[in-house]
Amino acid sequence: MSIDKSKLEAKGNGVLADVMPCLDYTFATRLKSFVSDIQTNCQMGFEEREYIERVANKLLEYQKQNAVEQWEKDYLERCHK
């Protein structure tokens, strides 16, 4: 995937927040998979894991809503069940 550098320069601060979710359409699914395998031994660790799972789910939902290509929409729909 190529990124239009003029759009990056125009956005200024917050570029990564606006562009990063679209750079790698498998990131959220891989993050969810990785986090689901983590085991914690304390309440704080459990809460952190739940937080990261929520972030991954929100990112996946964002990607699903903003996907352009049909194959990407289909992939993200299958992953967000």
N, C-alpha and C. Protein backbone atom coordinates (compact mmCIF):
# COMPACT_ATOMS: atom_id res chain seq x y z
N MET A 1 0.84 -1.18 0.00
CA MET A 1 0.00 0.00 0.00
C MET A 1 0.88 1.23 0.00
N SER A 2 0.60 2.18 -0.87
CA SER A 2 1.37 3.41 -0.89
C SER A 2 0.57 4.52 -0.22
N ILE A 3 1.30 5.45 0.35
CA ILE A 3 0.67 6.56 1.06
C ILE A 3 0.99 7.84 0.32
N ASP A 4 -0.01 8.66 0.10
CA ASP A 4 0.17 9.95 -0.54
C ASP A 4 0.85 10.89 0.47
N LYS A 5 2.12 11.21 0.23
CA LYS A 5 2.89 12.01 1.18
C LYS A 5 2.33 13.42 1.33
N SER A 6 1.69 13.94 0.31
CA SER A 6 1.12 15.29 0.43
C SER A 6 0.01 15.31 1.48
N LYS A 7 -0.75 14.22 1.60
CA LYS A 7 -1.78 14.15 2.63
C LYS A 7 -1.16 14.08 4.01
N LEU A 8 -0.04 13.36 4.13
CA LEU A 8 0.63 13.28 5.43
C LEU A 8 1.14 14.65 5.86
N GLU A 9 1.74 15.37 4.92
CA GLU A 9 2.28 16.68 5.26
C GLU A 9 1.17 17.66 5.59
N ALA A 10 0.05 17.56 4.93
CA ALA A 10 -1.06 18.48 5.18
C ALA A 10 -1.70 18.24 6.54
N LYS A 11 -1.67 17.01 7.02
CA LYS A 11 -2.34 16.70 8.28
C LYS A 11 -1.56 17.21 9.48
N GLY A 12 -0.25 17.27 9.39
CA GLY A 12 0.55 17.77 10.51
C GLY A 12 0.52 16.81 11.68
N ASN A 13 0.22 17.32 12.87
CA ASN A 13 0.17 16.49 14.07
C ASN A 13 -0.96 15.47 13.97
N GLY A 14 -0.76 14.34 14.60
CA GLY A 14 -1.79 13.31 14.60
C GLY A 14 -1.80 12.46 13.34
N VAL A 15 -0.75 12.56 12.55
CA VAL A 15 -0.70 11.81 11.29
C VAL A 15 -0.84 10.32 11.53
N LEU A 16 -0.09 9.80 12.48
CA LEU A 16 -0.15 8.36 12.72
C LEU A 16 -1.54 7.92 13.17
N ALA A 17 -2.19 8.72 13.98
CA ALA A 17 -3.53 8.35 14.44
C ALA A 17 -4.51 8.27 13.28
N ASP A 18 -4.32 9.13 12.28
CA ASP A 18 -5.23 9.15 11.14
C ASP A 18 -4.87 8.12 10.08
N VAL A 19 -3.61 7.80 9.93
CA VAL A 19 -3.16 6.95 8.84
C VAL A 19 -2.88 5.52 9.28
N MET A 20 -2.37 5.33 10.47
CA MET A 20 -1.92 4.01 10.92
C MET A 20 -2.95 2.90 10.79
N PRO A 21 -4.22 3.12 11.16
CA PRO A 21 -5.17 2.01 11.08
C PRO A 21 -5.30 1.44 9.68
N CYS A 22 -5.00 2.24 8.68
CA CYS A 22 -5.16 1.78 7.30
C CYS A 22 -3.88 1.20 6.72
N LEU A 23 -2.77 1.34 7.39
CA LEU A 23 -1.52 0.87 6.83
C LEU A 23 -1.45 -0.65 6.75
N ASP A 24 -1.96 -1.32 7.73
CA ASP A 24 -1.88 -2.78 7.78
C ASP A 24 -3.23 -3.32 8.21
N TYR A 25 -3.99 -3.80 7.26
CA TYR A 25 -5.36 -4.22 7.57
C TYR A 25 -5.41 -5.45 8.47
N THR A 26 -4.31 -6.14 8.67
CA THR A 26 -4.31 -7.31 9.55
C THR A 26 -3.85 -6.99 10.97
N PHE A 27 -3.43 -5.75 11.22
CA PHE A 27 -2.87 -5.41 12.53
C PHE A 27 -3.84 -5.70 13.67
N ALA A 28 -5.08 -5.21 13.56
CA ALA A 28 -6.05 -5.39 14.64
C ALA A 28 -6.35 -6.86 14.89
N THR A 29 -6.43 -7.65 13.84
CA THR A 29 -6.72 -9.07 14.02
C THR A 29 -5.54 -9.78 14.67
N ARG A 30 -4.33 -9.40 14.28
CA ARG A 30 -3.14 -10.00 14.90
C ARG A 30 -3.01 -9.58 16.36
N LEU A 31 -3.33 -8.31 16.65
CA LEU A 31 -3.27 -7.82 18.02
C LEU A 31 -4.27 -8.57 18.89
N LYS A 32 -5.50 -8.75 18.39
CA LYS A 32 -6.51 -9.50 19.15
C LYS A 32 -6.03 -10.92 19.43
N SER A 33 -5.46 -11.56 18.44
CA SER A 33 -4.99 -12.92 18.60
C SER A 33 -3.86 -12.99 19.63
N PHE A 34 -2.92 -12.06 19.54
CA PHE A 34 -1.80 -12.03 20.47
C PHE A 34 -2.27 -11.80 21.90
N VAL A 35 -3.14 -10.82 22.08
CA VAL A 35 -3.60 -10.47 23.42
C VAL A 35 -4.44 -11.59 24.03
N SER A 36 -5.19 -12.30 23.21
CA SER A 36 -6.04 -13.37 23.75
C SER A 36 -5.20 -14.51 24.32
N ASP A 37 -3.94 -14.62 23.87
CA ASP A 37 -3.06 -15.68 24.36
C ASP A 37 -2.30 -15.29 25.63
N ILE A 38 -2.36 -14.03 26.01
CA ILE A 38 -1.63 -13.56 27.19
C ILE A 38 -2.37 -13.99 28.46
N GLN A 39 -1.62 -14.53 29.39
CA GLN A 39 -2.19 -14.91 30.68
C GLN A 39 -1.61 -13.99 31.75
N THR A 40 -2.46 -13.54 32.64
CA THR A 40 -2.03 -12.62 33.70
C THR A 40 -2.25 -13.27 35.06
N ASN A 41 -1.49 -12.79 36.02
CA ASN A 41 -1.58 -13.33 37.38
C ASN A 41 -2.07 -12.29 38.38
N CYS A 42 -2.48 -11.14 37.87
CA CYS A 42 -2.95 -10.10 38.80
C CYS A 42 -4.09 -9.33 38.17
N GLN A 43 -4.83 -8.62 38.99
CA GLN A 43 -5.98 -7.86 38.52
C GLN A 43 -5.57 -6.76 37.56
N MET A 44 -4.47 -6.08 37.84
CA MET A 44 -4.02 -5.00 36.96
C MET A 44 -3.68 -5.54 35.58
N GLY A 45 -3.01 -6.67 35.52
CA GLY A 45 -2.67 -7.29 34.25
C GLY A 45 -3.91 -7.70 33.48
N PHE A 46 -4.88 -8.22 34.18
CA PHE A 46 -6.14 -8.62 33.56
C PHE A 46 -6.86 -7.40 32.97
N GLU A 47 -6.89 -6.30 33.74
CA GLU A 47 -7.54 -5.08 33.26
C GLU A 47 -6.82 -4.50 32.05
N GLU A 48 -5.50 -4.54 32.06
CA GLU A 48 -4.73 -4.05 30.92
C GLU A 48 -5.02 -4.90 29.68
N ARG A 49 -5.10 -6.20 29.86
CA ARG A 49 -5.39 -7.09 28.73
C ARG A 49 -6.79 -6.79 28.17
N GLU A 50 -7.76 -6.59 29.05
CA GLU A 50 -9.10 -6.25 28.60
C GLU A 50 -9.11 -4.92 27.85
N TYR A 51 -8.34 -3.97 28.33
CA TYR A 51 -8.27 -2.67 27.67
C TYR A 51 -7.70 -2.82 26.25
N ILE A 52 -6.62 -3.55 26.11
CA ILE A 52 -6.00 -3.75 24.80
C ILE A 52 -6.95 -4.50 23.87
N GLU A 53 -7.71 -5.45 24.40
CA GLU A 53 -8.71 -6.15 23.59
C GLU A 53 -9.78 -5.17 23.10
N ARG A 54 -10.22 -4.25 23.95
CA ARG A 54 -11.21 -3.26 23.55
C ARG A 54 -10.66 -2.34 22.46
N VAL A 55 -9.40 -1.94 22.62
CA VAL A 55 -8.76 -1.08 21.61
C VAL A 55 -8.68 -1.82 20.27
N ALA A 56 -8.29 -3.08 20.30
CA ALA A 56 -8.21 -3.87 19.07
C ALA A 56 -9.58 -4.01 18.43
N ASN A 57 -10.62 -4.23 19.22
CA ASN A 57 -11.97 -4.34 18.68
C ASN A 57 -12.43 -3.02 18.06
N LYS A 58 -12.12 -1.90 18.71
CA LYS A 58 -12.48 -0.60 18.16
C LYS A 58 -11.73 -0.33 16.86
N LEU A 59 -10.46 -0.68 16.82
CA LEU A 59 -9.68 -0.50 15.61
C LEU A 59 -10.22 -1.36 14.49
N LEU A 60 -10.58 -2.59 14.80
CA LEU A 60 -11.15 -3.48 13.80
C LEU A 60 -12.47 -2.92 13.27
N GLU A 61 -13.30 -2.40 14.16
CA GLU A 61 -14.56 -1.80 13.74
C GLU A 61 -14.31 -0.57 12.87
N TYR A 62 -13.34 0.25 13.25
CA TYR A 62 -12.98 1.43 12.46
C TYR A 62 -12.53 1.02 11.07
N GLN A 63 -11.66 0.02 11.01
CA GLN A 63 -11.17 -0.44 9.72
C GLN A 63 -12.31 -0.98 8.87
N LYS A 64 -13.21 -1.71 9.51
CA LYS A 64 -14.34 -2.29 8.78
C LYS A 64 -15.22 -1.19 8.18
N GLN A 65 -15.46 -0.14 8.94
CA GLN A 65 -16.30 0.95 8.48
C GLN A 65 -15.63 1.79 7.40
N ASN A 66 -14.30 1.84 7.40
CA ASN A 66 -13.58 2.72 6.48
C ASN A 66 -12.86 1.98 5.36
N ALA A 67 -13.06 0.69 5.27
CA ALA A 67 -12.42 -0.08 4.20
C ALA A 67 -12.97 0.37 2.84
N VAL A 68 -12.09 0.37 1.86
CA VAL A 68 -12.47 0.80 0.52
C VAL A 68 -12.70 -0.39 -0.39
N GLU A 69 -11.78 -1.32 -0.35
CA GLU A 69 -11.84 -2.50 -1.22
C GLU A 69 -12.82 -3.53 -0.66
N GLN A 70 -13.56 -4.18 -1.53
CA GLN A 70 -14.54 -5.17 -1.10
C GLN A 70 -13.89 -6.36 -0.41
N TRP A 71 -12.72 -6.82 -0.92
CA TRP A 71 -12.04 -7.96 -0.30
C TRP A 71 -11.63 -7.64 1.13
N GLU A 72 -11.25 -6.38 1.35
CA GLU A 72 -10.86 -5.96 2.70
C GLU A 72 -12.09 -5.91 3.62
N LYS A 73 -13.20 -5.40 3.11
CA LYS A 73 -14.44 -5.38 3.89
C LYS A 73 -14.87 -6.80 4.27
N ASP A 74 -14.77 -7.72 3.31
CA ASP A 74 -15.14 -9.12 3.58
C ASP A 74 -14.24 -9.72 4.64
N TYR A 75 -12.94 -9.49 4.52
CA TYR A 75 -11.97 -10.01 5.50
C TYR A 75 -12.27 -9.48 6.90
N LEU A 76 -12.45 -8.18 7.01
CA LEU A 76 -12.68 -7.56 8.31
C LEU A 76 -14.03 -7.97 8.90
N GLU A 77 -15.02 -8.17 8.04
CA GLU A 77 -16.33 -8.65 8.52
C GLU A 77 -16.20 -10.05 9.13
N ARG A 78 -15.44 -10.90 8.48
CA ARG A 78 -15.23 -12.26 9.02
C ARG A 78 -14.49 -12.22 10.34
N CYS A 79 -13.57 -11.30 10.49
CA CYS A 79 -12.74 -11.23 11.69
C CYS A 79 -13.45 -10.58 12.87
N HIS A 80 -14.49 -9.83 12.61
CA HIS A 80 -15.13 -9.06 13.68
C HIS A 80 -16.42 -9.72 14.18
N LYS A 81 -16.45 -11.01 14.15
CA LYS A 81 -17.64 -11.72 14.64
C LYS A 81 -17.45 -12.14 16.06
